[in-house]
Amino acid sequence: MSETHKFHPALFVTNMKSLIPITLDLESRQYHSRSALFKVQARVHDVLDHIILPMDEKEKAAYEKTKADDLAL
């Protein structure tokens, strides 16, 4: 039986700066809107959980299970 591998969107993004060509600066007046844009792009590319880890115990357990189930990733 052949093993199928799921392609993860995180593997496609090699340069986040090409998607978001800005640098977040806490002193900038636009920090909050730009950080929101970054979070949207991270969610679209399914990598947000690599940046902001889940806080809820149930979500943490699901996150750890997903990581354990996909060792190649």
C-alpha atoms as a PDB file:
ATOM      1  CA  MET A   1       0.000   0.000   0.000  1.00  0.00           C
ATOM      2  CA  SER A   2       1.452   3.375  -0.929  1.00  0.00           C
ATOM      3  CA  GLU A   3       1.783   6.039   1.717  1.00  0.00           C
ATOM      4  CA  THR A   4       0.300   9.416   0.818  1.00  0.00           C
ATOM      5  CA  HIS A   5       1.898  12.600   2.081  1.00  0.00           C
ATOM      6  CA  LYS A   6      -0.143  15.698   2.729  1.00  0.00           C
ATOM      7  CA  PHE A   7       1.397  18.879   1.388  1.00  0.00           C
ATOM      8  CA  HIS A   8       1.520  21.449   4.173  1.00  0.00           C
ATOM      9  CA  PRO A   9       1.187  25.129   3.143  1.00  0.00           C
ATOM     10  CA  ALA A  10       4.038  26.046   5.489  1.00  0.00           C
ATOM     11  CA  LEU A  11       6.423  24.197   3.194  1.00  0.00           C
ATOM     12  CA  PHE A  12       5.486  26.438   0.280  1.00  0.00           C
ATOM     13  CA  VAL A  13       6.377  29.740   1.950  1.00  0.00           C
ATOM     14  CA  THR A  14      10.131  30.190   1.688  1.00  0.00           C
ATOM     15  CA  ASN A  15      10.245  33.916   2.247  1.00  0.00           C
ATOM     16  CA  MET A  16       7.542  35.532   4.395  1.00  0.00           C
ATOM     17  CA  LYS A  17       8.896  38.962   3.487  1.00  0.00           C
ATOM     18  CA  SER A  18       7.767  38.395  -0.116  1.00  0.00           C
ATOM     19  CA  LEU A  19       4.187  38.070   1.188  1.00  0.00           C
ATOM     20  CA  ILE A  20       4.446  40.870   3.756  1.00  0.00           C
ATOM     21  CA  PRO A  21       7.134  43.332   2.642  1.00  0.00           C
ATOM     22  CA  ILE A  22       7.088  45.359   5.871  1.00  0.00           C
ATOM     23  CA  THR A  23       8.976  45.250   9.139  1.00  0.00           C
ATOM     24  CA  LEU A  24       6.934  45.440  12.320  1.00  0.00           C
ATOM     25  CA  ASP A  25       8.081  48.224  14.591  1.00  0.00           C
ATOM     26  CA  LEU A  26       6.473  48.705  18.010  1.00  0.00           C
ATOM     27  CA  GLU A  27       7.060  52.441  17.768  1.00  0.00           C
ATOM     28  CA  SER A  28       5.155  52.713  14.483  1.00  0.00           C
ATOM     29  CA  ARG A  29       1.582  54.004  14.552  1.00  0.00           C
ATOM     30  CA  GLN A  30       0.664  51.215  12.146  1.00  0.00           C
ATOM     31  CA  TYR A  31       1.985  48.351  14.305  1.00  0.00           C
ATOM     32  CA  HIS A  32      -1.433  46.938  15.222  1.00  0.00           C
ATOM     33  CA  SER A  33      -2.849  46.960  11.697  1.00  0.00           C
ATOM     34  CA  ARG A  34       0.350  45.467  10.286  1.00  0.00           C
ATOM     35  CA  SER A  35       0.549  42.795  12.970  1.00  0.00           C
ATOM     36  CA  ALA A  36      -3.088  41.909  12.189  1.00  0.00           C
ATOM     37  CA  LEU A  37      -2.150  41.571   8.501  1.00  0.00           C
ATOM     38  CA  PHE A  38       0.736  39.288   9.462  1.00  0.00           C
ATOM     39  CA  LYS A  39      -1.570  37.098  11.578  1.00  0.00           C
ATOM     40  CA  VAL A  40      -4.060  36.833   8.711  1.00  0.00           C
ATOM     41  CA  GLN A  41      -1.321  35.723   6.320  1.00  0.00           C
ATOM     42  CA  ALA A  42       0.040  33.282   8.892  1.00  0.00           C
ATOM     43  CA  ARG A  43      -3.442  31.800   9.326  1.00  0.00           C
ATOM     44  CA  VAL A  44      -3.974  31.591   5.541  1.00  0.00           C
ATOM     45  CA  HIS A  45      -0.729  29.652   5.197  1.00  0.00           C
ATOM     46  CA  ASP A  46      -1.595  27.485   8.215  1.00  0.00           C
ATOM     47  CA  VAL A  47       1.481  28.498  10.234  1.00  0.00           C
ATOM     48  CA  LEU A  48      -0.109  30.659  12.935  1.00  0.00           C
ATOM     49  CA  ASP A  49       0.172  27.865  15.511  1.00  0.00           C
ATOM     50  CA  HIS A  50       3.946  27.895  14.979  1.00  0.00           C
ATOM     51  CA  ILE A  51       4.036  31.565  15.932  1.00  0.00           C
ATOM     52  CA  ILE A  52       1.332  31.831  18.599  1.00  0.00           C
ATOM     53  CA  LEU A  53       1.025  28.610  20.542  1.00  0.00           C
ATOM     54  CA  PRO A  54      -2.424  27.615  21.857  1.00  0.00           C
ATOM     55  CA  MET A  55      -3.151  28.554  25.478  1.00  0.00           C
ATOM     56  CA  ASP A  56      -6.220  26.400  26.137  1.00  0.00           C
ATOM     57  CA  GLU A  57      -5.382  22.929  27.522  1.00  0.00           C
ATOM     58  CA  LYS A  58      -7.663  21.215  24.989  1.00  0.00           C
ATOM     59  CA  GLU A  59      -6.087  23.116  22.096  1.00  0.00           C
ATOM     60  CA  LYS A  60      -2.585  22.388  23.438  1.00  0.00           C
ATOM     61  CA  ALA A  61      -3.362  18.663  23.531  1.00  0.00           C
ATOM     62  CA  ALA A  62      -4.717  18.771  19.959  1.00  0.00           C
ATOM     63  CA  TYR A  63      -1.625  20.708  18.828  1.00  0.00           C
ATOM     64  CA  GLU A  64       0.741  18.201  20.445  1.00  0.00           C
ATOM     65  CA  LYS A  65      -1.206  15.284  18.917  1.00  0.00           C
ATOM     66  CA  THR A  66      -1.013  16.849  15.451  1.00  0.00           C
ATOM     67  CA  LYS A  67       2.739  17.339  15.831  1.00  0.00           C
ATOM     68  CA  ALA A  68       3.192  13.739  17.009  1.00  0.00           C
ATOM     69  CA  ASP A  69       1.043  12.345  14.188  1.00  0.00           C
ATOM     70  CA  ASP A  70       3.033  14.142  11.481  1.00  0.00           C
ATOM     71  CA  LEU A  71       6.700  13.624  12.433  1.00  0.00           C
ATOM     72  CA  ALA A  72       7.904  14.439   8.922  1.00  0.00           C
ATOM     73  CA  LEU A  73       6.489  17.932   9.229  1.00  0.00           C
END
